[in-house]
Amino acid sequence: MPTISMFYGIIIRMYYDDHNPPHFHAFFGEYKATFNFEGELIDGNMPNSKIKLISAWALIHKEDLMANWKLAKDNESLYNINPLN
């Protein structure tokens, strides 16, 4: 499960063998959640302040996330995506 970005204590990962619809996984301490590329929480639990950061990051990097999703589906190495500054 490659880490593709890290910011403000949040780790963003994308699985190679995951299912549709396109999504990524976010981890913060004991919290873990799944988000779609629109930045919407679709499963799991995460503090509201972190959800806002993850959602903003996802919207900014939507095209990068989709490119990584396609690479993951082809079992190719994923690219790191810039964190929030």
C-alpha atoms as a PDB file:
ATOM      1  CA  MET A   1       0.000   0.000   0.000  1.00  0.00           C
ATOM      2  CA  PRO A   2       2.122   2.900  -1.263  1.00  0.00           C
ATOM      3  CA  THR A   3       2.089   6.242   0.498  1.00  0.00           C
ATOM      4  CA  ILE A   4       1.502   8.941  -2.116  1.00  0.00           C
ATOM      5  CA  SER A   5       1.429  12.031   0.122  1.00  0.00           C
ATOM      6  CA  MET A   6       1.837  13.202   3.727  1.00  0.00           C
ATOM      7  CA  PHE A   7       0.789  16.498   5.294  1.00  0.00           C
ATOM      8  CA  TYR A   8      -0.216  17.764   8.750  1.00  0.00           C
ATOM      9  CA  GLY A   9       0.182  14.270  10.210  1.00  0.00           C
ATOM     10  CA  ILE A  10      -2.088  12.743   7.567  1.00  0.00           C
ATOM     11  CA  ILE A  11      -0.851   9.854   5.441  1.00  0.00           C
ATOM     12  CA  ILE A  12      -2.484   9.308   2.039  1.00  0.00           C
ATOM     13  CA  ARG A  13      -2.247   5.861   0.443  1.00  0.00           C
ATOM     14  CA  MET A  14      -3.608   4.151  -2.626  1.00  0.00           C
ATOM     15  CA  TYR A  15      -3.862   0.384  -3.066  1.00  0.00           C
ATOM     16  CA  TYR A  16      -2.827  -1.412  -6.244  1.00  0.00           C
ATOM     17  CA  ASP A  17      -5.604  -3.974  -6.137  1.00  0.00           C
ATOM     18  CA  ASP A  18      -8.494  -1.808  -5.008  1.00  0.00           C
ATOM     19  CA  HIS A  19     -11.970  -1.742  -6.453  1.00  0.00           C
ATOM     20  CA  ASN A  20     -14.032   0.956  -8.145  1.00  0.00           C
ATOM     21  CA  PRO A  21     -15.085   3.697  -7.715  1.00  0.00           C
ATOM     22  CA  PRO A  22     -11.713   5.480  -7.654  1.00  0.00           C
ATOM     23  CA  HIS A  23     -10.701   6.424  -4.113  1.00  0.00           C
ATOM     24  CA  PHE A  24      -7.805   6.793  -1.694  1.00  0.00           C
ATOM     25  CA  HIS A  25      -7.217   6.018   1.958  1.00  0.00           C
ATOM     26  CA  ALA A  26      -6.270   8.562   4.619  1.00  0.00           C
ATOM     27  CA  PHE A  27      -4.710   7.771   7.989  1.00  0.00           C
ATOM     28  CA  PHE A  28      -4.261  10.061  10.979  1.00  0.00           C
ATOM     29  CA  GLY A  29      -3.221   8.456  14.259  1.00  0.00           C
ATOM     30  CA  GLU A  30      -5.849   5.833  15.047  1.00  0.00           C
ATOM     31  CA  TYR A  31      -8.241   7.212  12.436  1.00  0.00           C
ATOM     32  CA  LYS A  32      -8.619   5.817   8.943  1.00  0.00           C
ATOM     33  CA  ALA A  33     -11.009   6.801   6.203  1.00  0.00           C
ATOM     34  CA  THR A  34     -11.688   6.425   2.505  1.00  0.00           C
ATOM     35  CA  PHE A  35     -12.313   9.417   0.231  1.00  0.00           C
ATOM     36  CA  ASN A  36     -13.370   9.778  -3.390  1.00  0.00           C
ATOM     37  CA  PHE A  37     -11.512  12.092  -5.746  1.00  0.00           C
ATOM     38  CA  GLU A  38     -14.073  14.857  -5.075  1.00  0.00           C
ATOM     39  CA  GLY A  39     -12.764  14.907  -1.498  1.00  0.00           C
ATOM     40  CA  GLU A  40     -15.899  13.340  -0.012  1.00  0.00           C
ATOM     41  CA  LEU A  41     -15.623  10.951   2.927  1.00  0.00           C
ATOM     42  CA  ILE A  42     -17.105   7.644   1.778  1.00  0.00           C
ATOM     43  CA  ASP A  43     -16.126   5.337   4.642  1.00  0.00           C
ATOM     44  CA  GLY A  44     -14.384   5.399   7.996  1.00  0.00           C
ATOM     45  CA  ASN A  45     -13.799   8.014  10.627  1.00  0.00           C
ATOM     46  CA  MET A  46     -11.629  11.139  10.697  1.00  0.00           C
ATOM     47  CA  PRO A  47     -11.654  14.379  12.757  1.00  0.00           C
ATOM     48  CA  ASN A  48     -13.588  17.155  10.994  1.00  0.00           C
ATOM     49  CA  SER A  49     -10.538  19.421  10.827  1.00  0.00           C
ATOM     50  CA  LYS A  50      -8.596  16.707   8.979  1.00  0.00           C
ATOM     51  CA  ILE A  51     -11.534  15.958   6.656  1.00  0.00           C
ATOM     52  CA  LYS A  52     -11.429  19.598   5.525  1.00  0.00           C
ATOM     53  CA  LEU A  53      -7.695  19.392   4.790  1.00  0.00           C
ATOM     54  CA  ILE A  54      -7.996  16.068   2.960  1.00  0.00           C
ATOM     55  CA  SER A  55     -10.962  17.329   0.908  1.00  0.00           C
ATOM     56  CA  ALA A  56      -9.095  20.470  -0.151  1.00  0.00           C
ATOM     57  CA  TRP A  57      -6.017  18.417  -1.067  1.00  0.00           C
ATOM     58  CA  ALA A  58      -8.110  15.966  -3.119  1.00  0.00           C
ATOM     59  CA  LEU A  59      -9.788  18.740  -5.104  1.00  0.00           C
ATOM     60  CA  ILE A  60      -6.451  20.392  -5.848  1.00  0.00           C
ATOM     61  CA  HIS A  61      -4.905  17.076  -6.954  1.00  0.00           C
ATOM     62  CA  LYS A  62      -7.880  15.374  -8.596  1.00  0.00           C
ATOM     63  CA  GLU A  63      -6.047  14.874 -11.910  1.00  0.00           C
ATOM     64  CA  ASP A  64      -2.967  13.507 -10.120  1.00  0.00           C
ATOM     65  CA  LEU A  65      -5.134  11.094  -8.156  1.00  0.00           C
ATOM     66  CA  MET A  66      -6.806   9.835 -11.328  1.00  0.00           C
ATOM     67  CA  ALA A  67      -3.412   9.347 -12.994  1.00  0.00           C
ATOM     68  CA  ASN A  68      -2.216   7.329  -9.991  1.00  0.00           C
ATOM     69  CA  TRP A  69      -5.442   5.305 -10.002  1.00  0.00           C
ATOM     70  CA  LYS A  70      -4.806   4.304 -13.608  1.00  0.00           C
ATOM     71  CA  LEU A  71      -1.213   3.367 -12.768  1.00  0.00           C
ATOM     72  CA  ALA A  72      -2.372   1.310  -9.799  1.00  0.00           C
ATOM     73  CA  LYS A  73      -4.877  -0.569 -11.949  1.00  0.00           C
ATOM     74  CA  ASP A  74      -1.999  -1.452 -14.306  1.00  0.00           C
ATOM     75  CA  ASN A  75       0.196  -2.521 -11.343  1.00  0.00           C
ATOM     76  CA  GLU A  76       2.692   0.250 -12.075  1.00  0.00           C
ATOM     77  CA  SER A  77       4.555   2.404  -9.564  1.00  0.00           C
ATOM     78  CA  LEU A  78       2.640   5.370  -8.238  1.00  0.00           C
ATOM     79  CA  TYR A  79       3.868   8.948  -8.152  1.00  0.00           C
ATOM     80  CA  ASN A  80       4.105  11.051  -5.011  1.00  0.00           C
ATOM     81  CA  ILE A  81       1.616  13.895  -4.942  1.00  0.00           C
ATOM     82  CA  ASN A  82       2.579  17.236  -3.409  1.00  0.00           C
ATOM     83  CA  PRO A  83       1.273  17.852   0.112  1.00  0.00           C
ATOM     84  CA  LEU A  84      -0.713  20.856   1.268  1.00  0.00           C
ATOM     85  CA  ASN A  85       1.589  23.717   2.185  1.00  0.00           C
END
